[in-house]
Amino acid sequence: MLSAILTYQGNEMMPILKEYGFKWIDNRFVYPINKRNLLNVEIDTRNKELSITYSNQLGIQEYRKIHFLLSSIQDRLKGTIYDKNSLLGYTETGEPAYIITNWQKWYRFIQKAMLTSLSGKKVRVINESEVELASGLFVGYETSEYEDTITKCTLVTLFGEKTFKGKDLKIEASNEW
């Protein structure tokens, strides 16, 4: 298991967790996704700390969701996060990357490597609403400058080269030939 500790200010942490979709179950908050708990949060009100645990066996999109949730909650609670017990890997320059610390560098590195390996392979393009837009041979992509989301993807389809645009496209291997 990986873990992080969020130290917060104020006393309004419970409504904020509920606002982000956390549920109160068995004396702790959990963030359910796909019929399992993605995040577990235990509260220490005396020290104003949230102890957050999650699996070390998740996919990149699940870690991305956790990063978004923790960053958003940290901002709302005006808190700080200690994430040294959540090593995800290393950046392109060899720096350790955690769920918050060095996240952007690590995510860009992983995303670039993943998409480079898909070049010329059959992929599916999925939009932010989880709707498949097309499938075809992967040619290239563009990301937003600030959010590292894929905003443009070019494929060779049965109808020729096509470019698809969106706010947060996903590119997945189709496992077809």
N, C-alpha and C. Protein backbone atom coordinates (compact mmCIF):
# COMPACT_ATOMS: atom_id res chain seq x y z
N MET A 1 0.83 -1.19 0.00
CA MET A 1 0.00 0.00 0.00
C MET A 1 0.88 1.25 0.00
N LEU A 2 0.39 2.26 -0.69
CA LEU A 2 1.03 3.57 -0.68
C LEU A 2 0.22 4.47 0.24
N SER A 3 0.87 5.49 0.77
CA SER A 3 0.15 6.37 1.68
C SER A 3 0.67 7.80 1.59
N ALA A 4 -0.19 8.71 2.05
CA ALA A 4 0.15 10.12 2.14
C ALA A 4 -0.60 10.68 3.34
N ILE A 5 -0.07 11.76 3.88
CA ILE A 5 -0.74 12.42 5.00
C ILE A 5 -1.00 13.87 4.60
N LEU A 6 -2.27 14.24 4.69
CA LEU A 6 -2.67 15.62 4.39
C LEU A 6 -2.97 16.31 5.71
N THR A 7 -2.18 17.32 6.01
CA THR A 7 -2.41 18.15 7.21
C THR A 7 -3.21 19.36 6.76
N TYR A 8 -4.33 19.62 7.43
CA TYR A 8 -5.25 20.66 6.98
C TYR A 8 -5.48 21.72 8.04
N GLN A 9 -6.12 22.81 7.59
CA GLN A 9 -6.50 23.90 8.48
C GLN A 9 -8.02 23.94 8.53
N GLY A 10 -8.59 24.50 9.57
CA GLY A 10 -10.03 24.62 9.67
C GLY A 10 -10.68 23.32 10.10
N ASN A 11 -12.00 23.30 10.10
CA ASN A 11 -12.74 22.14 10.56
C ASN A 11 -13.73 21.60 9.53
N GLU A 12 -13.72 22.11 8.34
CA GLU A 12 -14.73 21.77 7.33
C GLU A 12 -14.28 20.70 6.36
N MET A 13 -13.51 19.73 6.82
CA MET A 13 -12.96 18.74 5.91
C MET A 13 -14.00 17.71 5.48
N MET A 14 -14.93 17.32 6.35
CA MET A 14 -15.90 16.28 6.01
C MET A 14 -16.83 16.66 4.86
N PRO A 15 -17.41 17.86 4.85
CA PRO A 15 -18.25 18.24 3.70
C PRO A 15 -17.47 18.28 2.38
N ILE A 16 -16.20 18.68 2.45
CA ILE A 16 -15.38 18.75 1.24
C ILE A 16 -15.12 17.34 0.70
N LEU A 17 -14.81 16.39 1.58
CA LEU A 17 -14.60 15.01 1.13
C LEU A 17 -15.88 14.47 0.50
N LYS A 18 -17.02 14.72 1.11
CA LYS A 18 -18.30 14.26 0.56
C LYS A 18 -18.57 14.91 -0.79
N GLU A 19 -18.22 16.17 -0.92
CA GLU A 19 -18.42 16.90 -2.18
C GLU A 19 -17.64 16.24 -3.32
N TYR A 20 -16.48 15.68 -3.02
CA TYR A 20 -15.66 15.03 -4.04
C TYR A 20 -16.04 13.57 -4.27
N GLY A 21 -17.07 13.08 -3.59
CA GLY A 21 -17.56 11.73 -3.84
C GLY A 21 -17.13 10.69 -2.83
N PHE A 22 -16.50 11.09 -1.76
CA PHE A 22 -16.10 10.13 -0.72
C PHE A 22 -17.33 9.71 0.08
N LYS A 23 -17.33 8.47 0.53
CA LYS A 23 -18.42 7.91 1.33
C LYS A 23 -17.88 7.53 2.70
N TRP A 24 -18.72 7.72 3.74
CA TRP A 24 -18.36 7.36 5.12
C TRP A 24 -18.77 5.91 5.35
N ILE A 25 -17.78 5.01 5.50
CA ILE A 25 -18.03 3.58 5.69
C ILE A 25 -17.06 3.06 6.74
N ASP A 26 -17.56 2.36 7.74
CA ASP A 26 -16.72 1.74 8.76
C ASP A 26 -15.73 2.71 9.41
N ASN A 27 -16.20 3.86 9.86
CA ASN A 27 -15.39 4.86 10.56
C ASN A 27 -14.24 5.44 9.73
N ARG A 28 -14.42 5.49 8.44
CA ARG A 28 -13.42 6.12 7.57
C ARG A 28 -14.11 6.53 6.28
N PHE A 29 -13.47 7.40 5.54
CA PHE A 29 -13.96 7.79 4.23
C PHE A 29 -13.31 6.89 3.18
N VAL A 30 -14.09 6.51 2.17
CA VAL A 30 -13.55 5.74 1.05
C VAL A 30 -14.00 6.42 -0.24
N TYR A 31 -13.19 6.28 -1.26
CA TYR A 31 -13.56 6.78 -2.58
C TYR A 31 -13.78 5.56 -3.47
N PRO A 32 -15.06 5.22 -3.70
CA PRO A 32 -15.34 4.01 -4.50
C PRO A 32 -15.25 4.29 -5.99
N ILE A 33 -14.69 3.32 -6.70
CA ILE A 33 -14.64 3.37 -8.16
C ILE A 33 -14.64 1.93 -8.67
N ASN A 34 -15.50 1.65 -9.61
CA ASN A 34 -15.62 0.31 -10.18
C ASN A 34 -15.78 -0.78 -9.11
N LYS A 35 -16.69 -0.54 -8.17
CA LYS A 35 -17.04 -1.50 -7.12
C LYS A 35 -15.89 -1.85 -6.17
N ARG A 36 -14.92 -0.96 -6.04
CA ARG A 36 -13.85 -1.15 -5.06
C ARG A 36 -13.43 0.21 -4.54
N ASN A 37 -12.72 0.21 -3.44
CA ASN A 37 -12.29 1.47 -2.83
C ASN A 37 -10.94 1.89 -3.39
N LEU A 38 -10.93 2.97 -4.15
CA LEU A 38 -9.69 3.49 -4.71
C LEU A 38 -8.83 4.13 -3.63
N LEU A 39 -9.47 4.90 -2.74
CA LEU A 39 -8.77 5.60 -1.66
C LEU A 39 -9.45 5.31 -0.32
N ASN A 40 -8.65 5.17 0.72
CA ASN A 40 -9.15 5.06 2.09
C ASN A 40 -8.59 6.23 2.87
N VAL A 41 -9.45 6.91 3.63
CA VAL A 41 -9.03 8.09 4.38
C VAL A 41 -9.45 7.94 5.83
N GLU A 42 -8.47 7.96 6.72
CA GLU A 42 -8.75 7.96 8.16
C GLU A 42 -8.46 9.36 8.68
N ILE A 43 -9.30 9.81 9.60
CA ILE A 43 -9.24 11.18 10.09
C ILE A 43 -8.69 11.23 11.51
N ASP A 44 -7.72 12.12 11.71
CA ASP A 44 -7.20 12.41 13.05
C ASP A 44 -7.53 13.88 13.31
N THR A 45 -8.70 14.14 13.93
CA THR A 45 -9.15 15.52 14.13
C THR A 45 -8.29 16.27 15.13
N ARG A 46 -7.69 15.56 16.08
CA ARG A 46 -6.84 16.22 17.07
C ARG A 46 -5.62 16.86 16.41
N ASN A 47 -4.98 16.13 15.49
CA ASN A 47 -3.80 16.66 14.80
C ASN A 47 -4.14 17.29 13.44
N LYS A 48 -5.42 17.28 13.09
CA LYS A 48 -5.89 17.82 11.81
C LYS A 48 -5.14 17.18 10.65
N GLU A 49 -5.19 15.84 10.63
CA GLU A 49 -4.52 15.07 9.57
C GLU A 49 -5.48 14.07 8.95
N LEU A 50 -5.33 13.89 7.65
CA LEU A 50 -6.00 12.84 6.93
C LEU A 50 -4.94 11.84 6.51
N SER A 51 -5.10 10.60 6.93
CA SER A 51 -4.18 9.53 6.53
C SER A 51 -4.80 8.81 5.35
N ILE A 52 -4.15 8.88 4.20
CA ILE A 52 -4.71 8.40 2.94
C ILE A 52 -3.90 7.20 2.46
N THR A 53 -4.59 6.11 2.15
CA THR A 53 -3.91 4.92 1.64
C THR A 53 -4.57 4.48 0.33
N TYR A 54 -3.75 3.86 -0.52
CA TYR A 54 -4.23 3.35 -1.81
C TYR A 54 -3.24 2.31 -2.31
N SER A 55 -3.69 1.53 -3.27
CA SER A 55 -2.91 0.40 -3.77
C SER A 55 -1.68 0.86 -4.56
N ASN A 56 -0.66 0.02 -4.53
CA ASN A 56 0.51 0.26 -5.38
C ASN A 56 0.41 -0.54 -6.68
N GLN A 57 -0.76 -1.09 -6.98
CA GLN A 57 -0.99 -1.90 -8.17
C GLN A 57 -2.07 -1.30 -9.06
N LEU A 58 -2.02 0.00 -9.28
CA LEU A 58 -3.04 0.69 -10.08
C LEU A 58 -2.51 1.07 -11.44
N GLY A 59 -3.42 1.39 -12.34
CA GLY A 59 -3.06 1.88 -13.66
C GLY A 59 -2.82 3.38 -13.63
N ILE A 60 -2.25 3.90 -14.70
CA ILE A 60 -1.90 5.33 -14.77
C ILE A 60 -3.13 6.22 -14.62
N GLN A 61 -4.27 5.82 -15.18
CA GLN A 61 -5.47 6.65 -15.07
C GLN A 61 -5.99 6.70 -13.64
N GLU A 62 -5.85 5.61 -12.91
CA GLU A 62 -6.28 5.60 -11.51
C GLU A 62 -5.36 6.48 -10.66
N TYR A 63 -4.04 6.43 -10.91
CA TYR A 63 -3.13 7.32 -10.19
C TYR A 63 -3.41 8.79 -10.56
N ARG A 64 -3.76 9.00 -11.80
CA ARG A 64 -4.10 10.36 -12.23
C ARG A 64 -5.32 10.87 -11.47
N LYS A 65 -6.31 10.02 -11.29
CA LYS A 65 -7.52 10.38 -10.53
C LYS A 65 -7.15 10.69 -9.07
N ILE A 66 -6.31 9.85 -8.47
CA ILE A 66 -5.88 10.07 -7.09
C ILE A 66 -5.13 11.40 -6.98
N HIS A 67 -4.22 11.67 -7.91
CA HIS A 67 -3.48 12.93 -7.91
C HIS A 67 -4.45 14.11 -7.97
N PHE A 68 -5.42 14.03 -8.86
CA PHE A 68 -6.41 15.11 -8.99
C PHE A 68 -7.17 15.31 -7.68
N LEU A 69 -7.66 14.22 -7.10
CA LEU A 69 -8.43 14.32 -5.86
C LEU A 69 -7.59 14.92 -4.73
N LEU A 70 -6.38 14.39 -4.54
CA LEU A 70 -5.54 14.89 -3.45
C LEU A 70 -5.16 16.35 -3.65
N SER A 71 -4.81 16.73 -4.87
CA SER A 71 -4.45 18.13 -5.15
C SER A 71 -5.63 19.05 -4.90
N SER A 72 -6.80 18.64 -5.35
CA SER A 72 -8.00 19.46 -5.19
C SER A 72 -8.37 19.61 -3.71
N ILE A 73 -8.34 18.51 -2.98
CA ILE A 73 -8.68 18.56 -1.56
C ILE A 73 -7.64 19.37 -0.79
N GLN A 74 -6.37 19.20 -1.15
CA GLN A 74 -5.30 19.98 -0.51
C GLN A 74 -5.55 21.47 -0.71
N ASP A 75 -5.90 21.88 -1.92
CA ASP A 75 -6.18 23.29 -2.19
C ASP A 75 -7.37 23.79 -1.38
N ARG A 76 -8.44 23.00 -1.36
CA ARG A 76 -9.66 23.41 -0.66
C ARG A 76 -9.44 23.51 0.85
N LEU A 77 -8.62 22.62 1.41
CA LEU A 77 -8.38 22.61 2.85
C LEU A 77 -7.18 23.47 3.26
N LYS A 78 -6.54 24.10 2.27
CA LYS A 78 -5.33 24.89 2.53
C LYS A 78 -4.33 24.06 3.32
N GLY A 79 -4.11 22.84 2.83
CA GLY A 79 -3.27 21.90 3.55
C GLY A 79 -1.94 21.65 2.90
N THR A 80 -1.19 20.77 3.52
CA THR A 80 0.08 20.31 2.98
C THR A 80 0.03 18.78 2.94
N ILE A 81 0.73 18.22 1.97
CA ILE A 81 0.74 16.76 1.83
C ILE A 81 2.16 16.24 1.98
N TYR A 82 2.29 15.26 2.86
CA TYR A 82 3.54 14.51 2.98
C TYR A 82 3.32 13.22 2.19
N ASP A 83 4.05 13.07 1.08
CA ASP A 83 3.80 11.94 0.18
C ASP A 83 5.03 11.03 -0.02
N LYS A 84 5.97 11.07 0.88
CA LYS A 84 7.20 10.28 0.71
C LYS A 84 6.98 8.77 0.86
N ASN A 85 5.78 8.36 1.28
CA ASN A 85 5.46 6.93 1.34
C ASN A 85 4.60 6.52 0.14
N SER A 86 4.75 7.28 -0.96
CA SER A 86 3.96 6.98 -2.15
C SER A 86 4.80 7.10 -3.42
N LEU A 87 5.96 6.49 -3.39
CA LEU A 87 6.85 6.52 -4.56
C LEU A 87 6.21 5.77 -5.73
N LEU A 88 6.05 6.47 -6.86
CA LEU A 88 5.45 5.87 -8.05
C LEU A 88 6.50 5.44 -9.06
N GLY A 89 7.64 6.13 -9.06
CA GLY A 89 8.69 5.83 -10.03
C GLY A 89 9.68 6.97 -10.06
N TYR A 90 10.29 7.14 -11.22
CA TYR A 90 11.32 8.16 -11.37
C TYR A 90 11.07 8.97 -12.64
N THR A 91 11.47 10.22 -12.59
CA THR A 91 11.31 11.10 -13.75
C THR A 91 12.38 10.74 -14.79
N GLU A 92 12.31 11.41 -15.91
CA GLU A 92 13.27 11.18 -16.99
C GLU A 92 14.70 11.49 -16.54
N THR A 93 14.86 12.40 -15.58
CA THR A 93 16.18 12.77 -15.08
C THR A 93 16.59 11.98 -13.84
N GLY A 94 15.75 11.01 -13.42
CA GLY A 94 16.10 10.15 -12.30
C GLY A 94 15.64 10.62 -10.94
N GLU A 95 14.87 11.70 -10.90
CA GLU A 95 14.34 12.18 -9.62
C GLU A 95 13.19 11.28 -9.16
N PRO A 96 13.09 11.01 -7.86
CA PRO A 96 11.94 10.22 -7.39
C PRO A 96 10.65 11.00 -7.59
N ALA A 97 9.58 10.29 -7.97
CA ALA A 97 8.28 10.91 -8.21
C ALA A 97 7.24 10.26 -7.31
N TYR A 98 6.45 11.12 -6.69
CA TYR A 98 5.42 10.68 -5.76
C TYR A 98 4.05 11.14 -6.28
N ILE A 99 3.01 10.84 -5.54
CA ILE A 99 1.65 11.18 -5.99
C ILE A 99 1.45 12.68 -6.15
N ILE A 100 2.20 13.51 -5.44
CA ILE A 100 2.14 14.97 -5.59
C ILE A 100 3.50 15.51 -6.04
N THR A 101 4.55 15.20 -5.29
CA THR A 101 5.89 15.70 -5.58
C THR A 101 6.41 15.12 -6.89
N ASN A 102 6.81 16.00 -7.81
CA ASN A 102 7.34 15.64 -9.14
C ASN A 102 6.32 14.90 -10.00
N TRP A 103 5.05 15.00 -9.67
CA TRP A 103 4.00 14.31 -10.43
C TRP A 103 4.04 14.69 -11.91
N GLN A 104 4.04 15.99 -12.21
CA GLN A 104 3.95 16.43 -13.61
C GLN A 104 5.10 15.90 -14.45
N LYS A 105 6.32 15.96 -13.92
CA LYS A 105 7.48 15.45 -14.67
C LYS A 105 7.34 13.95 -14.93
N TRP A 106 6.93 13.22 -13.91
CA TRP A 106 6.79 11.76 -14.04
C TRP A 106 5.66 11.41 -15.01
N TYR A 107 4.52 12.08 -14.87
CA TYR A 107 3.37 11.78 -15.72
C TYR A 107 3.70 12.07 -17.19
N ARG A 108 4.35 13.20 -17.47
CA ARG A 108 4.75 13.51 -18.86
C ARG A 108 5.69 12.43 -19.41
N PHE A 109 6.65 12.02 -18.60
CA PHE A 109 7.61 11.00 -19.01
C PHE A 109 6.91 9.67 -19.33
N ILE A 110 6.02 9.23 -18.44
CA ILE A 110 5.30 7.97 -18.64
C ILE A 110 4.38 8.07 -19.84
N GLN A 111 3.64 9.17 -19.94
CA GLN A 111 2.71 9.36 -21.05
C GLN A 111 3.45 9.36 -22.39
N LYS A 112 4.56 10.06 -22.44
CA LYS A 112 5.34 10.13 -23.69
C LYS A 112 5.85 8.74 -24.08
N ALA A 113 6.38 8.00 -23.12
CA ALA A 113 6.89 6.64 -23.39
C ALA A 113 5.75 5.72 -23.84
N MET A 114 4.63 5.81 -23.17
CA MET A 114 3.49 4.97 -23.51
C MET A 114 2.99 5.26 -24.93
N LEU A 115 2.86 6.54 -25.26
CA LEU A 115 2.36 6.91 -26.58
C LEU A 115 3.38 6.65 -27.68
N THR A 116 4.65 6.80 -27.38
CA THR A 116 5.69 6.47 -28.36
C THR A 116 5.64 4.99 -28.72
N SER A 117 5.39 4.15 -27.73
CA SER A 117 5.32 2.71 -27.98
C SER A 117 4.09 2.32 -28.81
N LEU A 118 3.09 3.19 -28.87
CA LEU A 118 1.88 2.90 -29.64
C LEU A 118 1.96 3.38 -31.09
N SER A 119 3.00 4.11 -31.43
CA SER A 119 3.13 4.65 -32.78
C SER A 119 3.04 3.54 -33.82
N GLY A 120 2.12 3.72 -34.78
CA GLY A 120 1.94 2.73 -35.85
C GLY A 120 1.09 1.54 -35.45
N LYS A 121 0.62 1.50 -34.22
CA LYS A 121 -0.21 0.39 -33.74
C LYS A 121 -1.68 0.78 -33.80
N LYS A 122 -2.56 -0.22 -33.81
CA LYS A 122 -3.99 0.05 -33.80
C LYS A 122 -4.42 0.46 -32.39
N VAL A 123 -5.10 1.60 -32.32
CA VAL A 123 -5.54 2.16 -31.04
C VAL A 123 -6.99 2.59 -31.13
N ARG A 124 -7.55 2.87 -29.97
CA ARG A 124 -8.88 3.47 -29.86
C ARG A 124 -8.71 4.85 -29.24
N VAL A 125 -9.49 5.81 -29.72
CA VAL A 125 -9.50 7.15 -29.14
C VAL A 125 -10.82 7.31 -28.41
N ILE A 126 -10.72 7.68 -27.12
CA ILE A 126 -11.90 7.80 -26.27
C ILE A 126 -11.94 9.22 -25.72
N ASN A 127 -13.12 9.84 -25.75
CA ASN A 127 -13.23 11.21 -25.25
C ASN A 127 -13.46 11.25 -23.75
N GLU A 128 -13.58 12.47 -23.21
CA GLU A 128 -13.72 12.65 -21.77
C GLU A 128 -15.02 12.09 -21.21
N SER A 129 -16.00 11.79 -22.08
CA SER A 129 -17.27 11.17 -21.65
C SER A 129 -17.23 9.65 -21.79
N GLU A 130 -16.03 9.10 -22.03
CA GLU A 130 -15.82 7.65 -22.19
C GLU A 130 -16.48 7.09 -23.44
N VAL A 131 -16.67 7.93 -24.47
CA VAL A 131 -17.24 7.51 -25.74
C VAL A 131 -16.09 7.28 -26.73
N GLU A 132 -16.08 6.11 -27.37
CA GLU A 132 -15.05 5.84 -28.37
C GLU A 132 -15.32 6.66 -29.62
N LEU A 133 -14.35 7.45 -30.01
CA LEU A 133 -14.49 8.30 -31.19
C LEU A 133 -14.11 7.58 -32.47
N ALA A 134 -13.06 6.75 -32.39
CA ALA A 134 -12.58 6.06 -33.59
C ALA A 134 -11.51 5.06 -33.19
N SER A 135 -11.15 4.23 -34.16
CA SER A 135 -9.99 3.37 -34.01
C SER A 135 -9.23 3.39 -35.32
N GLY A 136 -7.93 3.15 -35.22
CA GLY A 136 -7.08 3.16 -36.40
C GLY A 136 -5.63 3.11 -35.97
N LEU A 137 -4.75 3.30 -36.94
CA LEU A 137 -3.32 3.29 -36.66
C LEU A 137 -2.90 4.64 -36.08
N PHE A 138 -2.21 4.60 -34.96
CA PHE A 138 -1.82 5.81 -34.25
C PHE A 138 -0.69 6.53 -34.98
N VAL A 139 -0.90 7.83 -35.26
CA VAL A 139 0.09 8.64 -35.95
C VAL A 139 0.74 9.65 -35.01
N GLY A 140 -0.06 10.38 -34.24
CA GLY A 140 0.51 11.40 -33.37
C GLY A 140 -0.53 12.01 -32.46
N TYR A 141 -0.07 12.90 -31.59
CA TYR A 141 -0.95 13.53 -30.60
C TYR A 141 -0.39 14.88 -30.19
N GLU A 142 -1.24 15.68 -29.54
CA GLU A 142 -0.83 16.94 -28.93
C GLU A 142 -1.44 16.99 -27.54
N THR A 143 -0.72 17.65 -26.62
CA THR A 143 -1.23 17.80 -25.26
C THR A 143 -1.46 19.28 -24.97
N SER A 144 -2.31 19.52 -23.97
CA SER A 144 -2.49 20.91 -23.52
C SER A 144 -1.21 21.32 -22.81
N GLU A 145 -0.92 22.57 -22.87
CA GLU A 145 0.34 23.07 -22.32
C GLU A 145 0.43 22.95 -20.81
N TYR A 146 -0.70 23.13 -20.12
CA TYR A 146 -0.67 23.22 -18.66
C TYR A 146 -1.15 21.97 -17.95
N GLU A 147 -2.06 21.22 -18.55
CA GLU A 147 -2.68 20.12 -17.83
C GLU A 147 -2.15 18.75 -18.22
N ASP A 148 -1.35 18.66 -19.24
CA ASP A 148 -0.83 17.37 -19.73
C ASP A 148 -1.93 16.42 -20.14
N THR A 149 -3.03 16.96 -20.62
CA THR A 149 -4.09 16.12 -21.16
C THR A 149 -3.93 16.08 -22.67
N ILE A 150 -4.33 14.99 -23.29
CA ILE A 150 -4.26 14.86 -24.74
C ILE A 150 -5.46 15.59 -25.33
N THR A 151 -5.18 16.56 -26.19
CA THR A 151 -6.24 17.38 -26.77
C THR A 151 -6.44 17.11 -28.26
N LYS A 152 -5.50 16.40 -28.86
CA LYS A 152 -5.59 16.15 -30.29
C LYS A 152 -4.91 14.83 -30.60
N CYS A 153 -5.53 14.02 -31.46
CA CYS A 153 -4.97 12.72 -31.82
C CYS A 153 -5.22 12.47 -33.30
N THR A 154 -4.19 12.00 -33.98
CA THR A 154 -4.31 11.70 -35.41
C THR A 154 -4.16 10.20 -35.62
N LEU A 155 -5.10 9.65 -36.40
CA LEU A 155 -5.11 8.22 -36.73
C LEU A 155 -5.21 8.05 -38.24
N VAL A 156 -4.75 6.90 -38.71
CA VAL A 156 -5.06 6.48 -40.07
C VAL A 156 -6.21 5.48 -39.92
N THR A 157 -7.37 5.87 -40.45
CA THR A 157 -8.56 5.04 -40.36
C THR A 157 -8.86 4.43 -41.73
N LEU A 158 -9.95 3.69 -41.83
CA LEU A 158 -10.39 3.14 -43.12
C LEU A 158 -10.69 4.25 -44.11
N PHE A 159 -10.96 5.46 -43.62
CA PHE A 159 -11.33 6.59 -44.47
C PHE A 159 -10.19 7.58 -44.66
N GLY A 160 -8.98 7.18 -44.31
CA GLY A 160 -7.82 8.05 -44.45
C GLY A 160 -7.37 8.62 -43.12
N GLU A 161 -6.49 9.60 -43.18
CA GLU A 161 -5.97 10.21 -41.97
C GLU A 161 -7.02 11.14 -41.37
N LYS A 162 -7.31 10.95 -40.08
CA LYS A 162 -8.32 11.75 -39.38
C LYS A 162 -7.73 12.27 -38.08
N THR A 163 -8.10 13.50 -37.74
CA THR A 163 -7.66 14.10 -36.49
C THR A 163 -8.87 14.32 -35.59
N PHE A 164 -8.72 13.95 -34.34
CA PHE A 164 -9.80 14.08 -33.36
C PHE A 164 -9.34 15.03 -32.27
N LYS A 165 -10.27 15.88 -31.82
CA LYS A 165 -9.95 16.87 -30.79
C LYS A 165 -10.88 16.69 -29.61
N GLY A 166 -10.38 17.04 -28.42
CA GLY A 166 -11.17 16.98 -27.21
C GLY A 166 -10.39 17.60 -26.06
N LYS A 167 -11.03 17.70 -24.90
CA LYS A 167 -10.38 18.29 -23.73
C LYS A 167 -9.45 17.31 -23.03
N ASP A 168 -9.81 16.03 -23.06
CA ASP A 168 -9.04 15.01 -22.33
C ASP A 168 -9.22 13.66 -23.00
N LEU A 169 -8.57 13.50 -24.14
CA LEU A 169 -8.70 12.25 -24.90
C LEU A 169 -7.85 11.15 -24.27
N LYS A 170 -8.32 9.92 -24.40
CA LYS A 170 -7.53 8.76 -23.99
C LYS A 170 -7.20 7.97 -25.24
N ILE A 171 -5.98 7.47 -25.27
CA ILE A 171 -5.54 6.64 -26.39
C ILE A 171 -5.17 5.29 -25.80
N GLU A 172 -5.86 4.24 -26.26
CA GLU A 172 -5.64 2.91 -25.72
C GLU A 172 -5.34 1.94 -26.85
N ALA A 173 -4.46 1.00 -26.59
CA ALA A 173 -4.21 -0.07 -27.55
C ALA A 173 -5.49 -0.87 -27.73
N SER A 174 -5.81 -1.21 -28.97
CA SER A 174 -7.06 -1.93 -29.20
C SER A 174 -6.89 -3.44 -29.14
N ASN A 175 -5.64 -3.91 -29.15
CA ASN A 175 -5.35 -5.36 -29.13
C ASN A 175 -5.97 -6.08 -30.33
N GLU A 176 -6.12 -5.36 -31.42
CA GLU A 176 -6.61 -5.94 -32.67
C GLU A 176 -5.57 -5.69 -33.76
N TRP A 177 -5.66 -6.44 -34.80
CA TRP A 177 -4.74 -6.25 -35.94
C TRP A 177 -5.52 -5.84 -37.15
